[in-house]
Structure formats: C-alpha cells, structure tokens
Amino acid sequence: MNSFRIAPIRFAKPIAIKSRSILFFAIAIACPAQAQLFGASIESMIDKRFKEADKNKDGKLTLDEAKEGMPRVAKNFEQLDSERRGYVTVEQIKKAVASQGGSE
C-alpha cells in the first residue's frame, strides 16, 4: 500500500483569515453546536446593524442607507437587489450571508 505525506505549507509572513466563511467552516467541523451559536450570533448582528442603518424604519435598506450603516451591503447592493426594487431587506442580506458560509 502506498502512503504519502503532505508537507505543511509555510508562509514568509503570517496570513490573516479575512473570510468568516473559512472560520465558520472550521468551527462547523470542530464543533457543530458552536457553529449553530456562531450562525445565530451573525444573524443577531445583522439584525442589529440593519435596524441601525434603516433610518426611516420601513424595513427596507436603500443604497444611501446601506452606504452609511452597512458598507459591505452597499458594495454588493446590485447583487442583493436582484429584482431592482431599489432596496434590500434583512432577509435578503441573511440569505446572502448564509450562502457564503456566514460572512457579512
């Protein structure tokens, strides 16, 4: 039977994990219960930030509101507002984050 060894990858400089999806994936593998808590905390963070950004409290975030309160949403506004209504809802944001593995 053949066996082979994989050498560890060494980087010249330390790298920072910039994607929460990688972190979420690592947590999900290590401890599924913690992954559920992590996912719940992301949803509550999204709820809180959406509520703060929604200045007129209509449950819709316009591009201008997103630019002020949720810049990552503003950056991806066109993809989130797929129906071209001129606003996004908290559910659309949560769905997009969930599809990316937990990163806002």
PDB file of N, CA and C in Angstrom:
ATOM      1  N   MET A   1       0.843  -1.181   0.000  1.00  0.00           N
ATOM      2  CA  MET A   1       0.000   0.000   0.000  1.00  0.00           C
ATOM      3  C   MET A   1       0.887   1.242   0.000  1.00  0.00           C
ATOM      4  N   ASN A   2       0.576   2.164  -0.859  1.00  0.00           N
ATOM      5  CA  ASN A   2       1.346   3.404  -0.929  1.00  0.00           C
ATOM      6  C   ASN A   2       0.828   4.402   0.098  1.00  0.00           C
ATOM      7  N   SER A   3       1.743   5.068   0.715  1.00  0.00           N
ATOM      8  CA  SER A   3       1.349   6.151   1.616  1.00  0.00           C
ATOM      9  C   SER A   3       2.175   7.371   1.248  1.00  0.00           C
ATOM     10  N   PHE A   4       1.599   8.498   1.426  1.00  0.00           N
ATOM     11  CA  PHE A   4       2.339   9.710   1.112  1.00  0.00           C
ATOM     12  C   PHE A   4       2.055  10.750   2.168  1.00  0.00           C
ATOM     13  N   ARG A   5       3.005  11.618   2.334  1.00  0.00           N
ATOM     14  CA  ARG A   5       2.939  12.649   3.357  1.00  0.00           C
ATOM     15  C   ARG A   5       2.766  14.013   2.705  1.00  0.00           C
ATOM     16  N   ILE A   6       1.957  14.820   3.291  1.00  0.00           N
ATOM     17  CA  ILE A   6       1.773  16.183   2.793  1.00  0.00           C
ATOM     18  C   ILE A   6       2.555  17.113   3.706  1.00  0.00           C
ATOM     19  N   ALA A   7       3.458  17.846   3.129  1.00  0.00           N
ATOM     20  CA  ALA A   7       4.265  18.788   3.905  1.00  0.00           C
ATOM     21  C   ALA A   7       3.434  20.005   4.260  1.00  0.00           C
ATOM     22  N   PRO A   8       3.649  20.545   5.439  1.00  0.00           N
ATOM     23  CA  PRO A   8       2.897  21.752   5.813  1.00  0.00           C
ATOM     24  C   PRO A   8       3.296  22.929   4.931  1.00  0.00           C
ATOM     25  N   ILE A   9       2.361  23.800   4.711  1.00  0.00           N
ATOM     26  CA  ILE A   9       2.617  24.999   3.919  1.00  0.00           C
ATOM     27  C   ILE A   9       3.207  26.054   4.842  1.00  0.00           C
ATOM     28  N   ARG A  10       4.300  26.631   4.425  1.00  0.00           N
ATOM     29  CA  ARG A  10       4.936  27.677   5.222  1.00  0.00           C
ATOM     30  C   ARG A  10       4.882  28.988   4.438  1.00  0.00           C
ATOM     31  N   PHE A  11       4.465  30.024   5.135  1.00  0.00           N
ATOM     32  CA  PHE A  11       4.362  31.328   4.510  1.00  0.00           C
ATOM     33  C   PHE A  11       5.475  32.225   5.028  1.00  0.00           C
ATOM     34  N   ALA A  12       5.959  33.108   4.174  1.00  0.00           N
ATOM     35  CA  ALA A  12       7.002  34.038   4.578  1.00  0.00           C
ATOM     36  C   ALA A  12       6.498  34.986   5.660  1.00  0.00           C
ATOM     37  N   LYS A  13       5.254  35.389   5.526  1.00  0.00           N
ATOM     38  CA  LYS A  13       4.636  36.269   6.512  1.00  0.00           C
ATOM     39  C   LYS A  13       3.382  35.584   7.039  1.00  0.00           C
ATOM     40  N   PRO A  14       3.004  35.868   8.284  1.00  0.00           N
ATOM     41  CA  PRO A  14       1.741  35.319   8.778  1.00  0.00           C
ATOM     42  C   PRO A  14       0.588  35.854   7.928  1.00  0.00           C
ATOM     43  N   ILE A  15      -0.398  35.023   7.694  1.00  0.00           N
ATOM     44  CA  ILE A  15      -1.561  35.473   6.931  1.00  0.00           C
ATOM     45  C   ILE A  15      -2.752  35.597   7.862  1.00  0.00           C
ATOM     46  N   ALA A  16      -3.595  36.522   7.565  1.00  0.00           N
ATOM     47  CA  ALA A  16      -4.808  36.723   8.362  1.00  0.00           C
ATOM     48  C   ALA A  16      -5.981  36.125   7.614  1.00  0.00           C
ATOM     49  N   ILE A  17      -6.849  35.473   8.352  1.00  0.00           N
ATOM     50  CA  ILE A  17      -8.061  34.944   7.735  1.00  0.00           C
ATOM     51  C   ILE A  17      -9.024  36.109   7.586  1.00  0.00           C
ATOM     52  N   LYS A  18      -9.329  36.444   6.337  1.00  0.00           N
ATOM     53  CA  LYS A  18     -10.198  37.582   6.079  1.00  0.00           C
ATOM     54  C   LYS A  18     -11.635  37.154   5.844  1.00  0.00           C
ATOM     55  N   SER A  19     -11.841  35.892   5.699  1.00  0.00           N
ATOM     56  CA  SER A  19     -13.174  35.428   5.374  1.00  0.00           C
ATOM     57  C   SER A  19     -13.775  34.678   6.550  1.00  0.00           C
ATOM     58  N   ARG A  20     -14.923  35.128   6.984  1.00  0.00           N
ATOM     59  CA  ARG A  20     -15.606  34.426   8.067  1.00  0.00           C
ATOM     60  C   ARG A  20     -16.089  33.059   7.623  1.00  0.00           C
ATOM     61  N   SER A  21     -16.252  32.873   6.324  1.00  0.00           N
ATOM     62  CA  SER A  21     -16.720  31.577   5.843  1.00  0.00           C
ATOM     63  C   SER A  21     -15.708  30.491   6.170  1.00  0.00           C
ATOM     64  N   ILE A  22     -14.414  30.794   6.080  1.00  0.00           N
ATOM     65  CA  ILE A  22     -13.387  29.816   6.444  1.00  0.00           C
ATOM     66  C   ILE A  22     -13.462  29.535   7.934  1.00  0.00           C
ATOM     67  N   LEU A  23     -13.599  30.575   8.724  1.00  0.00           N
ATOM     68  CA  LEU A  23     -13.718  30.407  10.166  1.00  0.00           C
ATOM     69  C   LEU A  23     -14.959  29.609  10.513  1.00  0.00           C
ATOM     70  N   PHE A  24     -16.072  29.930   9.888  1.00  0.00           N
ATOM     71  CA  PHE A  24     -17.319  29.216  10.140  1.00  0.00           C
ATOM     72  C   PHE A  24     -17.168  27.736   9.785  1.00  0.00           C
ATOM     73  N   PHE A  25     -16.540  27.452   8.658  1.00  0.00           N
ATOM     74  CA  PHE A  25     -16.321  26.077   8.225  1.00  0.00           C
ATOM     75  C   PHE A  25     -15.474  25.325   9.247  1.00  0.00           C
ATOM     76  N   ALA A  26     -14.413  25.960   9.735  1.00  0.00           N
ATOM     77  CA  ALA A  26     -13.540  25.328  10.722  1.00  0.00           C
ATOM     78  C   ALA A  26     -14.301  25.038  12.018  1.00  0.00           C
ATOM     79  N   ILE A  27     -15.126  25.989  12.442  1.00  0.00           N
ATOM     80  CA  ILE A  27     -15.914  25.795  13.659  1.00  0.00           C
ATOM     81  C   ILE A  27     -16.940  24.679  13.451  1.00  0.00           C
ATOM     82  N   ALA A  28     -17.557  24.656  12.283  1.00  0.00           N
ATOM     83  CA  ALA A  28     -18.579  23.640  11.999  1.00  0.00           C
ATOM     84  C   ALA A  28     -17.990  22.236  12.057  1.00  0.00           C
ATOM     85  N   ILE A  29     -16.772  22.080  11.570  1.00  0.00           N
ATOM     86  CA  ILE A  29     -16.131  20.773  11.611  1.00  0.00           C
ATOM     87  C   ILE A  29     -15.746  20.412  13.039  1.00  0.00           C
ATOM     88  N   ALA A  30     -15.170  21.365  13.751  1.00  0.00           N
ATOM     89  CA  ALA A  30     -14.677  21.095  15.099  1.00  0.00           C
ATOM     90  C   ALA A  30     -15.799  20.884  16.104  1.00  0.00           C
ATOM     91  N   CYS A  31     -16.836  21.673  15.992  1.00  0.00           N
ATOM     92  CA  CYS A  31     -17.902  21.598  16.995  1.00  0.00           C
ATOM     93  C   CYS A  31     -19.209  22.124  16.393  1.00  0.00           C
ATOM     94  N   PRO A  32     -20.057  21.221  15.915  1.00  0.00           N
ATOM     95  CA  PRO A  32     -21.302  21.656  15.274  1.00  0.00           C
ATOM     96  C   PRO A  32     -22.192  22.526  16.158  1.00  0.00           C
ATOM     97  N   ALA A  33     -22.214  22.261  17.453  1.00  0.00           N
ATOM     98  CA  ALA A  33     -23.057  23.073  18.343  1.00  0.00           C
ATOM     99  C   ALA A  33     -22.567  24.515  18.382  1.00  0.00           C
ATOM    100  N   GLN A  34     -21.249  24.706  18.398  1.00  0.00           N
ATOM    101  CA  GLN A  34     -20.695  26.059  18.387  1.00  0.00           C
ATOM    102  C   GLN A  34     -20.989  26.758  17.065  1.00  0.00           C
ATOM    103  N   ALA A  35     -20.999  25.999  15.984  1.00  0.00           N
ATOM    104  CA  ALA A  35     -21.307  26.579  14.672  1.00  0.00           C
ATOM    105  C   ALA A  35     -22.718  27.145  14.654  1.00  0.00           C
ATOM    106  N   GLN A  36     -23.655  26.436  15.296  1.00  0.00           N
ATOM    107  CA  GLN A  36     -25.024  26.948  15.358  1.00  0.00           C
ATOM    108  C   GLN A  36     -25.075  28.255  16.145  1.00  0.00           C
ATOM    109  N   LEU A  37     -24.335  28.313  17.257  1.00  0.00           N
ATOM    110  CA  LEU A  37     -24.297  29.540  18.048  1.00  0.00           C
ATOM    111  C   LEU A  37     -23.637  30.665  17.267  1.00  0.00           C
ATOM    112  N   PHE A  38     -22.568  30.350  16.539  1.00  0.00           N
ATOM    113  CA  PHE A  38     -21.875  31.337  15.713  1.00  0.00           C
ATOM    114  C   PHE A  38     -22.819  31.886  14.650  1.00  0.00           C
ATOM    115  N   GLY A  39     -23.575  30.998  13.999  1.00  0.00           N
ATOM    116  CA  GLY A  39     -24.542  31.414  12.989  1.00  0.00           C
ATOM    117  C   GLY A  39     -25.629  32.293  13.578  1.00  0.00           C
ATOM    118  N   ALA A  40     -26.095  31.931  14.779  1.00  0.00           N
ATOM    119  CA  ALA A  40     -27.132  32.722  15.442  1.00  0.00           C
ATOM    120  C   ALA A  40     -26.600  34.105  15.802  1.00  0.00           C
ATOM    121  N   SER A  41     -25.343  34.177  16.231  1.00  0.00           N
ATOM    122  CA  SER A  41     -24.793  35.482  16.598  1.00  0.00           C
ATOM    123  C   SER A  41     -24.608  36.364  15.363  1.00  0.00           C
ATOM    124  N   ILE A  42     -24.282  35.763  14.223  1.00  0.00           N
ATOM    125  CA  ILE A  42     -24.167  36.534  12.988  1.00  0.00           C
ATOM    126  C   ILE A  42     -25.532  37.095  12.609  1.00  0.00           C
ATOM    127  N   GLU A  43     -26.566  36.269  12.725  1.00  0.00           N
ATOM    128  CA  GLU A  43     -27.920  36.752  12.392  1.00  0.00           C
ATOM    129  C   GLU A  43     -28.334  37.889  13.304  1.00  0.00           C
ATOM    130  N   SER A  44     -28.042  37.771  14.596  1.00  0.00           N
ATOM    131  CA  SER A  44     -28.427  38.851  15.512  1.00  0.00           C
ATOM    132  C   SER A  44     -27.622  40.116  15.234  1.00  0.00           C
ATOM    133  N   MET A  45     -26.349  39.961  14.824  1.00  0.00           N
ATOM    134  CA  MET A  45     -25.538  41.116  14.456  1.00  0.00           C
ATOM    135  C   MET A  45     -26.115  41.795  13.210  1.00  0.00           C
ATOM    136  N   ILE A  46     -26.527  40.989  12.232  1.00  0.00           N
ATOM    137  CA  ILE A  46     -27.128  41.545  11.019  1.00  0.00           C
ATOM    138  C   ILE A  46     -28.413  42.296  11.378  1.00  0.00           C
ATOM    139  N   ASP A  47     -29.252  41.681  12.209  1.00  0.00           N
ATOM    140  CA  ASP A  47     -30.493  42.342  12.648  1.00  0.00           C
ATOM    141  C   ASP A  47     -30.201  43.697  13.285  1.00  0.00           C
ATOM    142  N   LYS A  48     -29.222  43.713  14.184  1.00  0.00           N
ATOM    143  CA  LYS A  48     -28.886  44.944  14.904  1.00  0.00           C
ATOM    144  C   LYS A  48     -28.379  46.019  13.946  1.00  0.00           C
ATOM    145  N   ARG A  49     -27.448  45.655  13.076  1.00  0.00           N
ATOM    146  CA  ARG A  49     -26.870  46.636  12.151  1.00  0.00           C
ATOM    147  C   ARG A  49     -27.906  47.112  11.136  1.00  0.00           C
ATOM    148  N   PHE A  50     -28.780  46.199  10.686  1.00  0.00           N
ATOM    149  CA  PHE A  50     -29.831  46.590   9.755  1.00  0.00           C
ATOM    150  C   PHE A  50     -30.761  47.603  10.415  1.00  0.00           C
ATOM    151  N   LYS A  51     -31.149  47.323  11.652  1.00  0.00           N
ATOM    152  CA  LYS A  51     -32.061  48.207  12.392  1.00  0.00           C
ATOM    153  C   LYS A  51     -31.451  49.605  12.557  1.00  0.00           C
ATOM    154  N   GLU A  52     -30.156  49.648  12.831  1.00  0.00           N
ATOM    155  CA  GLU A  52     -29.476  50.936  12.979  1.00  0.00           C
ATOM    156  C   GLU A  52     -29.363  51.674  11.637  1.00  0.00           C
ATOM    157  N   ALA A  53     -29.134  50.930  10.558  1.00  0.00           N
ATOM    158  CA  ALA A  53     -28.952  51.548   9.239  1.00  0.00           C
ATOM    159  C   ALA A  53     -30.266  52.002   8.618  1.00  0.00           C
ATOM    160  N   ASP A  54     -31.367  51.341   8.970  1.00  0.00           N
ATOM    161  CA  ASP A  54     -32.683  51.656   8.401  1.00  0.00           C
ATOM    162  C   ASP A  54     -33.235  52.908   9.075  1.00  0.00           C
ATOM    163  N   LYS A  55     -32.801  54.052   8.591  1.00  0.00           N
ATOM    164  CA  LYS A  55     -33.108  55.339   9.240  1.00  0.00           C
ATOM    165  C   LYS A  55     -34.602  55.656   9.312  1.00  0.00           C
ATOM    166  N   ASN A  56     -35.359  55.317   8.274  1.00  0.00           N
ATOM    167  CA  ASN A  56     -36.792  55.640   8.302  1.00  0.00           C
ATOM    168  C   ASN A  56     -37.641  54.487   8.840  1.00  0.00           C
ATOM    169  N   LYS A  57     -37.003  53.440   9.276  1.00  0.00           N
ATOM    170  CA  LYS A  57     -37.656  52.288   9.939  1.00  0.00           C
ATOM    171  C   LYS A  57     -38.773  51.668   9.105  1.00  0.00           C
ATOM    172  N   ASP A  58     -38.539  51.550   7.788  1.00  0.00           N
ATOM    173  CA  ASP A  58     -39.555  50.943   6.929  1.00  0.00           C
ATOM    174  C   ASP A  58     -39.265  49.478   6.604  1.00  0.00           C
ATOM    175  N   GLY A  59     -38.189  48.933   7.203  1.00  0.00           N
ATOM    176  CA  GLY A  59     -37.851  47.529   6.964  1.00  0.00           C
ATOM    177  C   GLY A  59     -37.146  47.292   5.643  1.00  0.00           C
ATOM    178  N   LYS A  60     -36.732  48.385   5.003  1.00  0.00           N
ATOM    179  CA  LYS A  60     -36.043  48.312   3.722  1.00  0.00           C
ATOM    180  C   LYS A  60     -34.795  49.172   3.807  1.00  0.00           C
ATOM    181  N   LEU A  61     -33.728  48.682   3.208  1.00  0.00           N
ATOM    182  CA  LEU A  61     -32.480  49.426   3.215  1.00  0.00           C
ATOM    183  C   LEU A  61     -32.185  49.909   1.802  1.00  0.00           C
ATOM    184  N   THR A  62     -32.176  51.225   1.627  1.00  0.00           N
ATOM    185  CA  THR A  62     -31.837  51.802   0.328  1.00  0.00           C
ATOM    186  C   THR A  62     -30.316  51.835   0.195  1.00  0.00           C
ATOM    187  N   LEU A  63     -29.834  52.132  -0.983  1.00  0.00           N
ATOM    188  CA  LEU A  63     -28.393  52.212  -1.200  1.00  0.00           C
ATOM    189  C   LEU A  63     -27.780  53.289  -0.310  1.00  0.00           C
ATOM    190  N   ASP A  64     -28.430  54.430  -0.185  1.00  0.00           N
ATOM    191  CA  ASP A  64     -27.900  55.509   0.664  1.00  0.00           C
ATOM    192  C   ASP A  64     -27.827  55.075   2.127  1.00  0.00           C
ATOM    193  N   GLU A  65     -28.872  54.406   2.619  1.00  0.00           N
ATOM    194  CA  GLU A  65     -28.860  53.915   3.992  1.00  0.00           C
ATOM    195  C   GLU A  65     -27.751  52.875   4.176  1.00  0.00           C
ATOM    196  N   ALA A  66     -27.586  52.014   3.188  1.00  0.00           N
ATOM    197  CA  ALA A  66     -26.548  50.982   3.264  1.00  0.00           C
ATOM    198  C   ALA A  66     -25.156  51.614   3.273  1.00  0.00           C
ATOM    199  N   LYS A  67     -24.948  52.635   2.475  1.00  0.00           N
ATOM    200  CA  LYS A  67     -23.640  53.297   2.428  1.00  0.00           C
ATOM    201  C   LYS A  67     -23.253  53.828   3.800  1.00  0.00           C
ATOM    202  N   GLU A  68     -24.227  54.357   4.524  1.00  0.00           N
ATOM    203  CA  GLU A  68     -23.963  54.913   5.848  1.00  0.00           C
ATOM    204  C   GLU A  68     -23.815  53.846   6.922  1.00  0.00           C
ATOM    205  N   GLY A  69     -24.687  52.848   6.906  1.00  0.00           N
ATOM    206  CA  GLY A  69     -24.727  51.909   8.029  1.00  0.00           C
ATOM    207  C   GLY A  69     -24.220  50.505   7.773  1.00  0.00           C
ATOM    208  N   MET A  70     -24.208  50.069   6.521  1.00  0.00           N
ATOM    209  CA  MET A  70     -23.756  48.712   6.198  1.00  0.00           C
ATOM    210  C   MET A  70     -22.957  48.761   4.892  1.00  0.00           C
ATOM    211  N   PRO A  71     -21.718  49.239   4.968  1.00  0.00           N
ATOM    212  CA  PRO A  71     -20.935  49.453   3.743  1.00  0.00           C
ATOM    213  C   PRO A  71     -20.721  48.199   2.889  1.00  0.00           C
ATOM    214  N   ARG A  72     -20.623  47.027   3.508  1.00  0.00           N
ATOM    215  CA  ARG A  72     -20.451  45.811   2.697  1.00  0.00           C
ATOM    216  C   ARG A  72     -21.717  45.494   1.913  1.00  0.00           C
ATOM    217  N   VAL A  73     -22.849  45.810   2.502  1.00  0.00           N
ATOM    218  CA  VAL A  73     -24.113  45.639   1.783  1.00  0.00           C
ATOM    219  C   VAL A  73     -24.150  46.624   0.616  1.00  0.00           C
ATOM    220  N   ALA A  74     -23.729  47.855   0.861  1.00  0.00           N
ATOM    221  CA  ALA A  74     -23.708  48.861  -0.206  1.00  0.00           C
ATOM    222  C   ALA A  74     -22.799  48.421  -1.355  1.00  0.00           C
ATOM    223  N   LYS A  75     -21.667  47.848  -1.004  1.00  0.00           N
ATOM    224  CA  LYS A  75     -20.713  47.400  -2.022  1.00  0.00           C
ATOM    225  C   LYS A  75     -21.312  46.310  -2.915  1.00  0.00           C
ATOM    226  N   ASN A  76     -22.190  45.498  -2.345  1.00  0.00           N
ATOM    227  CA  ASN A  76     -22.804  44.382  -3.079  1.00  0.00           C
ATOM    228  C   ASN A  76     -24.287  44.606  -3.349  1.00  0.00           C
ATOM    229  N   PHE A  77     -24.695  45.878  -3.324  1.00  0.00           N
ATOM    230  CA  PHE A  77     -26.118  46.208  -3.410  1.00  0.00           C
ATOM    231  C   PHE A  77     -26.782  45.680  -4.677  1.00  0.00           C
ATOM    232  N   GLU A  78     -26.113  45.803  -5.806  1.00  0.00           N
ATOM    233  CA  GLU A  78     -26.718  45.358  -7.068  1.00  0.00           C
ATOM    234  C   GLU A  78     -26.999  43.860  -7.071  1.00  0.00           C
ATOM    235  N   GLN A  79     -26.086  43.071  -6.499  1.00  0.00           N
ATOM    236  CA  GLN A  79     -26.312  41.628  -6.437  1.00  0.00           C
ATOM    237  C   GLN A  79     -27.435  41.286  -5.462  1.00  0.00           C
ATOM    238  N   LEU A  80     -27.487  41.998  -4.345  1.00  0.00           N
ATOM    239  CA  LEU A  80     -28.526  41.732  -3.347  1.00  0.00           C
ATOM    240  C   LEU A  80     -29.908  42.152  -3.849  1.00  0.00           C
ATOM    241  N   ASP A  81     -29.969  43.285  -4.533  1.00  0.00           N
ATOM    242  CA  ASP A  81     -31.232  43.797  -5.064  1.00  0.00           C
ATOM    243  C   ASP A  81     -31.456  43.234  -6.468  1.00  0.00           C
ATOM    244  N   SER A  82     -31.578  41.925  -6.539  1.00  0.00           N
ATOM    245  CA  SER A  82     -31.681  41.240  -7.841  1.00  0.00           C
ATOM    246  C   SER A  82     -32.957  41.608  -8.605  1.00  0.00           C
ATOM    247  N   GLU A  83     -33.987  42.027  -7.894  1.00  0.00           N
ATOM    248  CA  GLU A  83     -35.244  42.409  -8.556  1.00  0.00           C
ATOM    249  C   GLU A  83     -35.280  43.896  -8.913  1.00  0.00           C
ATOM    250  N   ARG A  84     -34.200  44.596  -8.624  1.00  0.00           N
ATOM    251  CA  ARG A  84     -34.066  46.029  -8.950  1.00  0.00           C
ATOM    252  C   ARG A  84     -35.209  46.869  -8.380  1.00  0.00           C
ATOM    253  N   ARG A  85     -35.487  46.645  -7.095  1.00  0.00           N
ATOM    254  CA  ARG A  85     -36.553  47.401  -6.434  1.00  0.00           C
ATOM    255  C   ARG A  85     -36.045  48.682  -5.783  1.00  0.00           C
ATOM    256  N   GLY A  86     -34.733  48.796  -5.665  1.00  0.00           N
ATOM    257  CA  GLY A  86     -34.167  49.993  -5.041  1.00  0.00           C
ATOM    258  C   GLY A  86     -33.950  49.847  -3.543  1.00  0.00           C
ATOM    259  N   TYR A  87     -34.144  48.657  -3.024  1.00  0.00           N
ATOM    260  CA  TYR A  87     -33.922  48.397  -1.599  1.00  0.00           C
ATOM    261  C   TYR A  87     -33.653  46.908  -1.383  1.00  0.00           C
ATOM    262  N   VAL A  88     -33.103  46.612  -0.216  1.00  0.00           N
ATOM    263  CA  VAL A  88     -32.917  45.218   0.192  1.00  0.00           C
ATOM    264  C   VAL A  88     -33.517  45.053   1.581  1.00  0.00           C
ATOM    265  N   THR A  89     -33.893  43.831   1.885  1.00  0.00           N
ATOM    266  CA  THR A  89     -34.455  43.532   3.198  1.00  0.00           C
ATOM    267  C   THR A  89     -33.427  42.769   4.029  1.00  0.00           C
ATOM    268  N   VAL A  90     -33.687  42.701   5.312  1.00  0.00           N
ATOM    269  CA  VAL A  90     -32.790  41.973   6.207  1.00  0.00           C
ATOM    270  C   VAL A  90     -32.739  40.490   5.822  1.00  0.00           C
ATOM    271  N   GLU A  91     -33.842  39.955   5.352  1.00  0.00           N
ATOM    272  CA  GLU A  91     -33.863  38.545   4.948  1.00  0.00           C
ATOM    273  C   GLU A  91     -32.979  38.301   3.728  1.00  0.00           C
ATOM    274  N   GLN A  92     -32.966  39.229   2.785  1.00  0.00           N
ATOM    275  CA  GLN A  92     -32.089  39.091   1.622  1.00  0.00           C
ATOM    276  C   GLN A  92     -30.626  39.091   2.046  1.00  0.00           C
ATOM    277  N   ILE A  93     -30.290  39.949   2.990  1.00  0.00           N
ATOM    278  CA  ILE A  93     -28.913  40.022   3.479  1.00  0.00           C
ATOM    279  C   ILE A  93     -28.538  38.726   4.192  1.00  0.00           C
ATOM    280  N   LYS A  94     -29.428  38.232   5.058  1.00  0.00           N
ATOM    281  CA  LYS A  94     -29.160  36.991   5.779  1.00  0.00           C
ATOM    282  C   LYS A  94     -28.987  35.813   4.826  1.00  0.00           C
ATOM    283  N   LYS A  95     -29.825  35.778   3.814  1.00  0.00           N
ATOM    284  CA  LYS A  95     -29.741  34.691   2.825  1.00  0.00           C
ATOM    285  C   LYS A  95     -28.398  34.735   2.099  1.00  0.00           C
ATOM    286  N   ALA A  96     -27.965  35.936   1.728  1.00  0.00           N
ATOM    287  CA  ALA A  96     -26.682  36.082   1.028  1.00  0.00           C
ATOM    288  C   ALA A  96     -25.517  35.682   1.935  1.00  0.00           C
ATOM    289  N   VAL A  97     -25.579  36.087   3.195  1.00  0.00           N
ATOM    290  CA  VAL A  97     -24.531  35.738   4.137  1.00  0.00           C
ATOM    291  C   VAL A  97     -24.494  34.233   4.365  1.00  0.00           C
ATOM    292  N   ALA A  98     -25.668  33.630   4.518  1.00  0.00           N
ATOM    293  CA  ALA A  98     -25.731  32.178   4.733  1.00  0.00           C
ATOM    294  C   ALA A  98     -25.181  31.406   3.532  1.00  0.00           C
ATOM    295  N   SER A  99     -25.439  31.915   2.351  1.00  0.00           N
ATOM    296  CA  SER A  99     -24.954  31.219   1.147  1.00  0.00           C
ATOM    297  C   SER A  99     -23.439  31.319   1.014  1.00  0.00           C
ATOM    298  N   GLN A 100     -22.845  32.279   1.712  1.00  0.00           N
ATOM    299  CA  GLN A 100     -21.392  32.431   1.692  1.00  0.00           C
ATOM    300  C   GLN A 100     -20.739  31.798   2.912  1.00  0.00           C
ATOM    301  N   GLY A 101     -21.531  31.111   3.717  1.00  0.00           N
ATOM    302  CA  GLY A 101     -20.961  30.425   4.867  1.00  0.00           C
ATOM    303  C   GLY A 101     -20.826  31.287   6.108  1.00  0.00           C
ATOM    304  N   GLY A 102     -21.552  32.421   6.202  1.00  0.00           N
ATOM    305  CA  GLY A 102     -21.544  33.185   7.422  1.00  0.00           C
ATOM    306  C   GLY A 102     -20.795  34.486   7.406  1.00  0.00           C
ATOM    307  N   SER A 103     -20.318  34.945   6.338  1.00  0.00           N
ATOM    308  CA  SER A 103     -19.667  36.225   6.306  1.00  0.00           C
ATOM    309  C   SER A 103     -20.580  37.307   5.829  1.00  0.00           C
ATOM    310  N   GLU A 104     -20.602  38.477   6.549  1.00  0.00           N
ATOM    311  CA  GLU A 104     -21.401  39.601   6.074  1.00  0.00           C
ATOM    312  C   GLU A 104     -20.673  40.293   5.037  1.00  0.00           C
TER     313      GLU A 104
END
